C-alpha atoms as a PDB file:
ATOM      1  CA  MET A   1     -52.338  13.990 -26.963  1.00  0.00           C
ATOM      2  CA  ASN A   2     -51.081  15.593 -23.605  1.00  0.00           C
ATOM      3  CA  ARG A   3     -51.245  12.953 -21.073  1.00  0.00           C
ATOM      4  CA  GLY A   4     -50.838  15.165 -18.502  1.00  0.00           C
ATOM      5  CA  ARG A   5     -54.064  17.130 -19.545  1.00  0.00           C
ATOM      6  CA  LEU A   6     -55.712  13.608 -19.539  1.00  0.00           C
ATOM      7  CA  ALA A   7     -54.639  12.647 -16.226  1.00  0.00           C
ATOM      8  CA  ARG A   8     -56.229  16.124 -14.984  1.00  0.00           C
ATOM      9  CA  TYR A   9     -59.556  14.945 -16.273  1.00  0.00           C
ATOM     10  CA  THR A  10     -59.656  12.303 -13.728  1.00  0.00           C
ATOM     11  CA  VAL A  11     -60.673  14.654 -10.741  1.00  0.00           C
ATOM     12  CA  TRP A  12     -63.580  16.113 -12.896  1.00  0.00           C
ATOM     13  CA  GLN A  13     -64.697  12.887 -13.988  1.00  0.00           C
ATOM     14  CA  PHE A  14     -64.744  11.560 -10.585  1.00  0.00           C
ATOM     15  CA  ARG A  15     -66.546  14.496  -9.191  1.00  0.00           C
ATOM     16  CA  ASP A  16     -69.010  14.204 -12.101  1.00  0.00           C
ATOM     17  CA  PHE A  17     -69.538  10.655 -11.133  1.00  0.00           C
ATOM     18  CA  VAL A  18     -70.342  11.453  -7.505  1.00  0.00           C
ATOM     19  CA  VAL A  19     -72.654  14.375  -7.929  1.00  0.00           C
ATOM     20  CA  GLU A  20     -74.582  12.785 -11.063  1.00  0.00           C
ATOM     21  CA  ARG A  21     -74.323   9.153 -10.061  1.00  0.00           C
ATOM     22  CA  GLY A  22     -72.826   8.031  -7.010  1.00  0.00           C
ATOM     23  CA  ILE A  23     -75.337   9.761  -4.755  1.00  0.00           C
ATOM     24  CA  ALA A  24     -78.230   8.160  -6.335  1.00  0.00           C
ATOM     25  CA  ILE A  25     -76.588   4.843  -6.302  1.00  0.00           C
ATOM     26  CA  VAL A  26     -75.942   5.084  -2.408  1.00  0.00           C
ATOM     27  CA  MET A  27     -79.568   6.342  -1.947  1.00  0.00           C
ATOM     28  CA  ILE A  28     -80.996   3.483  -3.865  1.00  0.00           C
ATOM     29  CA  GLY A  29     -78.656   1.131  -1.884  1.00  0.00           C
ATOM     30  CA  LEU A  30     -79.930   2.605   1.408  1.00  0.00           C
ATOM     31  CA  LEU A  31     -83.491   2.470   0.374  1.00  0.00           C
ATOM     32  CA  LEU A  32     -83.594  -1.096  -0.917  1.00  0.00           C
ATOM     33  CA  GLY A  33     -81.548  -2.369   2.132  1.00  0.00           C
ATOM     34  CA  TYR A  34     -83.870  -0.609   4.549  1.00  0.00           C
ATOM     35  CA  VAL A  35     -87.029  -1.912   2.959  1.00  0.00           C
ATOM     36  CA  LEU A  36     -86.014  -5.236   2.062  1.00  0.00           C
ATOM     37  CA  ILE A  37     -83.146  -6.335   4.548  1.00  0.00           C
ATOM     38  CA  GLU A  38     -83.944  -4.521   8.031  1.00  0.00           C
ATOM     39  CA  PRO A  39     -87.459  -6.104   8.501  1.00  0.00           C
ATOM     40  CA  LEU A  40     -86.017  -9.500   8.115  1.00  0.00           C
ATOM     41  CA  ARG A  41     -82.997  -8.756  10.093  1.00  0.00           C
ATOM     42  CA  ARG A  42     -84.987  -7.624  12.848  1.00  0.00           C
ATOM     43  CA  GLY A  43     -87.275 -10.820  12.831  1.00  0.00           C
ATOM     44  CA  LEU A  44     -84.362 -13.181  12.635  1.00  0.00           C
ATOM     45  CA  GLY A  45     -81.731 -11.249  14.933  1.00  0.00           C
ATOM     46  CA  THR A  46     -78.419 -13.000  15.432  1.00  0.00           C
ATOM     47  CA  ALA A  47     -79.795 -15.695  12.999  1.00  0.00           C
ATOM     48  CA  PHE A  48     -79.548 -13.430   9.748  1.00  0.00           C
ATOM     49  CA  SER A  49     -76.268 -13.918   8.358  1.00  0.00           C
ATOM     50  CA  THR A  50     -74.439 -15.322   5.038  1.00  0.00           C
ATOM     51  CA  ASP A  51     -74.038 -18.790   6.851  1.00  0.00           C
ATOM     52  CA  ALA A  52     -75.410 -21.490   4.689  1.00  0.00           C
ATOM     53  CA  THR A  53     -77.997 -22.487   7.504  1.00  0.00           C
ATOM     54  CA  SER A  54     -79.282 -18.916   7.643  1.00  0.00           C
ATOM     55  CA  PRO A  55     -82.734 -18.508   6.422  1.00  0.00           C
ATOM     56  CA  GLY A  56     -82.146 -14.856   5.565  1.00  0.00           C
ATOM     57  CA  ARG A  57     -79.091 -15.502   3.244  1.00  0.00           C
ATOM     58  CA  PRO A  58     -81.122 -15.862   0.291  1.00  0.00           C
ATOM     59  CA  VAL A  59     -82.598 -12.514   0.658  1.00  0.00           C
ATOM     60  CA  LEU A  60     -79.120 -11.029   1.689  1.00  0.00           C
ATOM     61  CA  ILE A  61     -77.608 -12.193  -1.392  1.00  0.00           C
ATOM     62  CA  MET A  62     -80.330 -11.424  -3.652  1.00  0.00           C
ATOM     63  CA  VAL A  63     -80.613  -7.685  -2.421  1.00  0.00           C
ATOM     64  CA  SER A  64     -76.976  -6.949  -2.372  1.00  0.00           C
ATOM     65  CA  SER A  65     -76.313  -8.619  -6.006  1.00  0.00           C
ATOM     66  CA  SER A  66     -79.444  -6.527  -7.212  1.00  0.00           C
ATOM     67  CA  ILE A  67     -77.925  -3.300  -5.660  1.00  0.00           C
ATOM     68  CA  VAL A  68     -74.603  -4.141  -7.903  1.00  0.00           C
ATOM     69  CA  SER A  69     -76.149  -4.640 -10.912  1.00  0.00           C
ATOM     70  CA  LEU A  70     -78.637  -1.030 -10.426  1.00  0.00           C
ATOM     71  CA  ALA A  71     -75.367   0.470  -9.553  1.00  0.00           C
ATOM     72  CA  VAL A  72     -73.441  -0.813 -12.709  1.00  0.00           C
ATOM     73  CA  LEU A  73     -76.557   0.271 -14.994  1.00  0.00           C
ATOM     74  CA  ILE A  74     -76.836   3.691 -13.623  1.00  0.00           C
ATOM     75  CA  ALA A  75     -72.828   4.171 -13.803  1.00  0.00           C
ATOM     76  CA  VAL A  76     -72.608   3.276 -17.495  1.00  0.00           C
ATOM     77  CA  ASN A  77     -76.042   4.800 -18.566  1.00  0.00           C
ATOM     78  CA  GLY A  78     -75.152   7.569 -21.072  1.00  0.00           C
ATOM     79  CA  ILE A  79     -71.301   7.190 -20.597  1.00  0.00           C
ATOM     80  CA  VAL A  80     -70.762   8.158 -24.197  1.00  0.00           C
ATOM     81  CA  SER A  81     -74.180   8.794 -25.651  1.00  0.00           C
ATOM     82  CA  THR A  82     -74.983  11.892 -23.175  1.00  0.00           C
ATOM     83  CA  ASP A  83     -71.894  13.901 -24.510  1.00  0.00           C
ATOM     84  CA  ARG A  84     -72.767  12.832 -28.201  1.00  0.00           C
ATOM     85  CA  LYS A  85     -76.412  13.872 -27.770  1.00  0.00           C
ATOM     86  CA  ALA A  86     -75.722  17.154 -26.239  1.00  0.00           C
ATOM     87  CA  GLY A  87     -72.864  18.078 -28.151  1.00  0.00           C
ATOM     88  CA  TYR A  88     -70.310  17.912 -25.184  1.00  0.00           C
ATOM     89  CA  TYR A  89     -67.924  16.112 -27.280  1.00  0.00           C
ATOM     90  CA  ARG A  90     -67.022  19.490 -28.990  1.00  0.00           C
ATOM     91  CA  PHE A  91     -65.945  21.074 -25.872  1.00  0.00           C
ATOM     92  CA  LEU A  92     -64.210  17.992 -24.256  1.00  0.00           C
ATOM     93  CA  PHE A  93     -61.880  17.641 -27.460  1.00  0.00           C
ATOM     94  CA  ALA A  94     -61.417  21.029 -28.393  1.00  0.00           C
ATOM     95  CA  LYS A  95     -58.011  20.606 -27.245  1.00  0.00           C
ATOM     96  CA  PRO A  96     -55.897  17.579 -28.284  1.00  0.00           C
ATOM     97  CA  VAL A  97     -57.301  14.761 -26.217  1.00  0.00           C
ATOM     98  CA  SER A  98     -58.025  11.325 -27.643  1.00  0.00           C
ATOM     99  CA  PRO A  99     -61.680  10.424 -27.329  1.00  0.00           C
ATOM    100  CA  VAL A 100     -60.729   6.911 -27.054  1.00  0.00           C
ATOM    101  CA  ALA A 101     -58.158   7.384 -24.131  1.00  0.00           C
ATOM    102  CA  TYR A 102     -60.617   9.889 -22.555  1.00  0.00           C
ATOM    103  CA  TYR A 103     -63.539   7.618 -22.518  1.00  0.00           C
ATOM    104  CA  ALA A 104     -61.303   4.331 -21.531  1.00  0.00           C
ATOM    105  CA  GLN A 105     -60.101   6.414 -18.446  1.00  0.00           C
ATOM    106  CA  LEU A 106     -63.525   7.539 -17.863  1.00  0.00           C
ATOM    107  CA  PHE A 107     -64.870   3.953 -17.846  1.00  0.00           C
ATOM    108  CA  PHE A 108     -62.172   3.138 -15.189  1.00  0.00           C
ATOM    109  CA  VAL A 109     -63.034   6.099 -13.007  1.00  0.00           C
ATOM    110  CA  TYR A 110     -66.432   5.089 -12.946  1.00  0.00           C
ATOM    111  CA  MET A 111     -65.581   1.541 -12.090  1.00  0.00           C
ATOM    112  CA  ILE A 112     -63.504   2.967  -9.114  1.00  0.00           C
ATOM    113  CA  GLY A 113     -66.632   5.045  -8.328  1.00  0.00           C
ATOM    114  CA  VAL A 114     -68.919   2.182  -8.050  1.00  0.00           C
ATOM    115  CA  LEU A 115     -66.497   0.413  -6.078  1.00  0.00           C
ATOM    116  CA  ALA A 116     -66.297   3.247  -3.317  1.00  0.00           C
ATOM    117  CA  THR A 117     -70.175   3.425  -3.320  1.00  0.00           C
ATOM    118  CA  MET A 118     -70.166  -0.244  -2.754  1.00  0.00           C
ATOM    119  CA  LEU A 119     -67.505  -0.196  -0.279  1.00  0.00           C
ATOM    120  CA  VAL A 120     -69.853   2.499   1.632  1.00  0.00           C
ATOM    121  CA  LEU A 121     -72.861   0.439   1.613  1.00  0.00           C
ATOM    122  CA  SER A 122     -71.156  -2.963   2.207  1.00  0.00           C
ATOM    123  CA  GLY A 123     -69.522  -1.278   5.219  1.00  0.00           C
ATOM    124  CA  LEU A 124     -72.987  -0.202   6.659  1.00  0.00           C
ATOM    125  CA  LEU A 125     -74.447  -3.823   6.092  1.00  0.00           C
ATOM    126  CA  HIS A 126     -71.483  -5.176   7.748  1.00  0.00           C
ATOM    127  CA  THR A 127     -72.129  -3.323  11.068  1.00  0.00           C
ATOM    128  CA  VAL A 128     -75.759  -5.121  10.964  1.00  0.00           C
ATOM    129  CA  VAL A 129     -74.666  -8.283   9.772  1.00  0.00           C
ATOM    130  CA  PRO A 130     -70.955  -8.931  10.816  1.00  0.00           C
ATOM    131  CA  SER A 131     -70.704 -12.143   8.506  1.00  0.00           C
ATOM    132  CA  PHE A 132     -71.152  -9.907   5.575  1.00  0.00           C
ATOM    133  CA  SER A 133     -67.809  -9.868   3.670  1.00  0.00           C
ATOM    134  CA  ILE A 134     -66.871  -6.518   2.314  1.00  0.00           C
ATOM    135  CA  ILE A 135     -64.036  -7.712   0.263  1.00  0.00           C
ATOM    136  CA  HIS A 136     -66.088 -10.514  -1.185  1.00  0.00           C
ATOM    137  CA  PHE A 137     -68.831  -7.891  -2.184  1.00  0.00           C
ATOM    138  CA  LEU A 138     -66.233  -5.660  -3.915  1.00  0.00           C
ATOM    139  CA  LEU A 139     -64.809  -8.604  -5.596  1.00  0.00           C
ATOM    140  CA  TYR A 140     -68.429  -9.456  -7.079  1.00  0.00           C
ATOM    141  CA  THR A 141     -69.034  -5.837  -7.897  1.00  0.00           C
ATOM    142  CA  ALA A 142     -65.713  -5.706  -9.833  1.00  0.00           C
ATOM    143  CA  VAL A 143     -66.689  -8.717 -11.908  1.00  0.00           C
ATOM    144  CA  VAL A 144     -70.057  -7.468 -12.755  1.00  0.00           C
ATOM    145  CA  PHE A 145     -68.859  -4.026 -13.751  1.00  0.00           C
ATOM    146  CA  VAL A 146     -66.519  -5.733 -16.242  1.00  0.00           C
ATOM    147  CA  ALA A 147     -69.121  -7.949 -17.438  1.00  0.00           C
ATOM    148  CA  MET A 148     -72.077  -5.743 -17.707  1.00  0.00           C
ATOM    149  CA  GLY A 149     -70.241  -2.258 -17.822  1.00  0.00           C
ATOM    150  CA  GLY A 150     -68.374  -3.441 -20.807  1.00  0.00           C
ATOM    151  CA  ILE A 151     -71.427  -4.439 -22.828  1.00  0.00           C
ATOM    152  CA  GLY A 152     -73.272  -1.127 -21.511  1.00  0.00           C
ATOM    153  CA  PHE A 153     -69.914   0.922 -22.880  1.00  0.00           C
ATOM    154  CA  PHE A 154     -70.388  -0.588 -26.239  1.00  0.00           C
ATOM    155  CA  ILE A 155     -74.011   0.154 -26.270  1.00  0.00           C
ATOM    156  CA  SER A 156     -73.407   3.760 -25.278  1.00  0.00           C
ATOM    157  CA  VAL A 157     -71.134   4.070 -28.145  1.00  0.00           C
ATOM    158  CA  ALA A 158     -73.346   2.514 -30.631  1.00  0.00           C
ATOM    159  CA  THR A 159     -76.903   4.017 -29.633  1.00  0.00           C
ATOM    160  CA  ARG A 160     -78.318   6.868 -27.818  1.00  0.00           C
ATOM    161  CA  PHE A 161     -80.840   4.508 -26.015  1.00  0.00           C
ATOM    162  CA  ASP A 162     -77.976   2.758 -24.027  1.00  0.00           C
ATOM    163  CA  TRP A 163     -79.672   1.731 -20.695  1.00  0.00           C
ATOM    164  CA  LEU A 164     -82.808   0.799 -22.080  1.00  0.00           C
ATOM    165  CA  THR A 165     -80.905  -1.343 -24.462  1.00  0.00           C
ATOM    166  CA  LEU A 166     -78.621  -2.691 -21.991  1.00  0.00           C
ATOM    167  CA  ALA A 167     -81.452  -3.533 -19.695  1.00  0.00           C
ATOM    168  CA  ALA A 168     -82.971  -5.305 -22.452  1.00  0.00           C
ATOM    169  CA  VAL A 169     -79.820  -7.353 -23.429  1.00  0.00           C
ATOM    170  CA  TRP A 170     -79.245  -8.258 -19.768  1.00  0.00           C
ATOM    171  CA  LEU A 171     -82.541  -9.454 -18.813  1.00  0.00           C
ATOM    172  CA  GLY A 172     -83.235 -10.833 -22.459  1.00  0.00           C
ATOM    173  CA  SER A 173     -80.464 -12.918 -22.431  1.00  0.00           C
ATOM    174  CA  ARG A 174     -81.444 -14.582 -18.950  1.00  0.00           C
ATOM    175  CA  ILE A 175     -84.952 -15.327 -20.590  1.00  0.00           C
ATOM    176  CA  MET A 176     -83.828 -16.497 -23.818  1.00  0.00           C
ATOM    177  CA  ARG A 177     -81.368 -18.845 -21.906  1.00  0.00           C
ATOM    178  CA  ASP A 178     -83.894 -20.092 -19.804  1.00  0.00           C
ATOM    179  CA  LEU A 179     -86.167 -20.843 -22.700  1.00  0.00           C
ATOM    180  CA  TYR A 180     -83.785 -22.189 -25.125  1.00  0.00           C
ATOM    181  CA  GLY A 181     -80.481 -22.860 -23.551  1.00  0.00           C
ATOM    182  CA  GLY A 182     -81.219 -26.734 -22.907  1.00  0.00           C
ATOM    183  CA  LYS A 183     -82.886 -27.194 -26.372  1.00  0.00           C
ATOM    184  CA  PRO A 184     -81.233 -28.938 -29.415  1.00  0.00           C
ATOM    185  CA  GLY A 185     -81.621 -26.840 -32.849  1.00  0.00           C
ATOM    186  CA  LEU A 186     -80.415 -23.728 -33.901  1.00  0.00           C
ATOM    187  CA  ARG A 187     -82.283 -21.584 -31.301  1.00  0.00           C
ATOM    188  CA  GLY A 188     -80.139 -23.686 -28.580  1.00  0.00           C
ATOM    189  CA  LYS A 189     -76.971 -22.896 -30.329  1.00  0.00           C
ATOM    190  CA  LEU A 190     -77.715 -19.193 -30.961  1.00  0.00           C
ATOM    191  CA  VAL A 191     -78.503 -18.305 -27.292  1.00  0.00           C
ATOM    192  CA  GLN A 192     -74.994 -19.482 -26.516  1.00  0.00           C
ATOM    193  CA  ILE A 193     -73.482 -16.323 -27.951  1.00  0.00           C
ATOM    194  CA  LEU A 194     -75.544 -14.269 -25.615  1.00  0.00           C
ATOM    195  CA  PRO A 195     -74.128 -12.726 -22.505  1.00  0.00           C
ATOM    196  CA  PRO A 196     -73.599 -15.599 -19.825  1.00  0.00           C
ATOM    197  CA  VAL A 197     -75.718 -13.715 -17.303  1.00  0.00           C
ATOM    198  CA  HIS A 198     -77.271 -17.176 -16.190  1.00  0.00           C
ATOM    199  CA  LYS A 199     -74.144 -17.470 -14.296  1.00  0.00           C
ATOM    200  CA  LEU A 200     -74.682 -14.662 -11.947  1.00  0.00           C
ATOM    201  CA  ASN A 201     -77.184 -16.206  -9.380  1.00  0.00           C
ATOM    202  CA  ASP A 202     -74.751 -18.996  -8.582  1.00  0.00           C
ATOM    203  CA  MET A 203     -71.786 -16.660  -8.893  1.00  0.00           C
ATOM    204  CA  ALA A 204     -73.526 -14.022  -6.566  1.00  0.00           C
ATOM    205  CA  THR A 205     -73.898 -16.791  -3.708  1.00  0.00           C
ATOM    206  CA  ASP A 206     -70.387 -18.165  -4.311  1.00  0.00           C
ATOM    207  CA  ILE A 207     -68.516 -14.913  -4.281  1.00  0.00           C
ATOM    208  CA  ILE A 208     -70.471 -12.839  -1.623  1.00  0.00           C
ATOM    209  CA  ALA A 209     -71.274 -15.559   0.769  1.00  0.00           C
ATOM    210  CA  ASN A 210     -68.287 -17.717   0.410  1.00  0.00           C
ATOM    211  CA  GLY A 211     -65.326 -15.832  -1.326  1.00  0.00           C
ATOM    212  CA  THR A 212     -65.072 -18.517  -4.019  1.00  0.00           C
ATOM    213  CA  ALA A 213     -66.339 -19.118  -7.681  1.00  0.00           C
ATOM    214  CA  VAL A 214     -66.031 -21.251 -10.552  1.00  0.00           C
ATOM    215  CA  ALA A 215     -62.862 -19.752 -12.434  1.00  0.00           C
ATOM    216  CA  SER A 216     -64.099 -20.558 -15.826  1.00  0.00           C
ATOM    217  CA  ASP A 217     -67.549 -18.704 -15.175  1.00  0.00           C
ATOM    218  CA  VAL A 218     -65.799 -15.792 -13.969  1.00  0.00           C
ATOM    219  CA  ALA A 219     -63.268 -15.729 -16.878  1.00  0.00           C
ATOM    220  CA  TRP A 220     -66.176 -16.206 -19.462  1.00  0.00           C
ATOM    221  CA  LEU A 221     -68.497 -13.244 -17.899  1.00  0.00           C
ATOM    222  CA  MET A 222     -65.309 -10.861 -17.652  1.00  0.00           C
ATOM    223  CA  ALA A 223     -64.128 -11.789 -21.052  1.00  0.00           C
ATOM    224  CA  TYR A 224     -67.339 -11.110 -22.678  1.00  0.00           C
ATOM    225  CA  GLY A 225     -67.634  -7.916 -21.075  1.00  0.00           C
ATOM    226  CA  ALA A 226     -64.040  -6.926 -22.146  1.00  0.00           C
ATOM    227  CA  VAL A 227     -64.580  -7.829 -25.659  1.00  0.00           C
ATOM    228  CA  PHE A 228     -67.395  -5.603 -25.614  1.00  0.00           C
ATOM    229  CA  PHE A 229     -65.408  -2.676 -24.156  1.00  0.00           C
ATOM    230  CA  VAL A 230     -62.447  -3.290 -26.535  1.00  0.00           C
ATOM    231  CA  LEU A 231     -65.119  -2.867 -29.428  1.00  0.00           C
ATOM    232  CA  GLY A 232     -66.604   0.163 -28.070  1.00  0.00           C
ATOM    233  CA  LEU A 233     -63.163   1.788 -28.074  1.00  0.00           C
ATOM    234  CA  LEU A 234     -62.682   0.483 -31.701  1.00  0.00           C
ATOM    235  CA  LEU A 235     -65.850   2.069 -32.632  1.00  0.00           C
ATOM    236  CA  LEU A 236     -64.861   5.450 -31.114  1.00  0.00           C
ATOM    237  CA  ARG A 237     -61.647   5.182 -32.941  1.00  0.00           C
ATOM    238  CA  TYR A 238     -62.820   4.467 -36.390  1.00  0.00           C
ATOM    239  CA  GLY A 239     -66.471   5.737 -36.198  1.00  0.00           C
ATOM    240  CA  PRO A 240     -67.981   9.212 -36.300  1.00  0.00           C
ATOM    241  CA  LEU A 241     -68.174  10.885 -32.914  1.00  0.00           C
ATOM    242  CA  ALA A 242     -70.873  13.280 -33.847  1.00  0.00           C
ATOM    243  CA  ASP A 243     -74.526  11.944 -33.372  1.00  0.00           C
END
């Protein structure tokens, strides 16, 4: 494998992210922010902040964390499956480039792309809500991308219906944990192997508003995503690339 050739792919990968995903993420973020945050900010004025006493804080955290989840979902949608379904892999790997290395690099390029779009959006939000921390928001984005993106990467390698499957896994895990997480018996034990998305609500408030979080919760989420990312790479390495 020619490492120089692989590195040159980075420019094209980032360009594709901007054109195909980045613009959409920014537009969705601006729309959600204007529709859900701006009216509340106008009503509360200087009282609208990330301070614990601010009545607008729950909405601010909910909207900003939701934008992150949507951004990650958009970013990892079809990250591998689109090339397989459309047959692009024949062109991409006509030269001696490892699919494992290519898609691993693509994952991290898209992570940088999501962080860049969140930097733009959080910078705009910071201008109207000065207490909103850009750094804390980017830290939360990185955690969610590794956790959610790692699972999404594996699903994109394993199936062509990746965005729908990822959304079902992400939402279904939360529902199943709410229903059976505290109950005894087999179902209560089985839900413990599901993605720990029930930790995200508290983590969003802790990281975005306060810049702190329970280390074990962060480690659990990121380790879960990292494991599935590695499983996706192994499936690429030993499984058939053709769809």
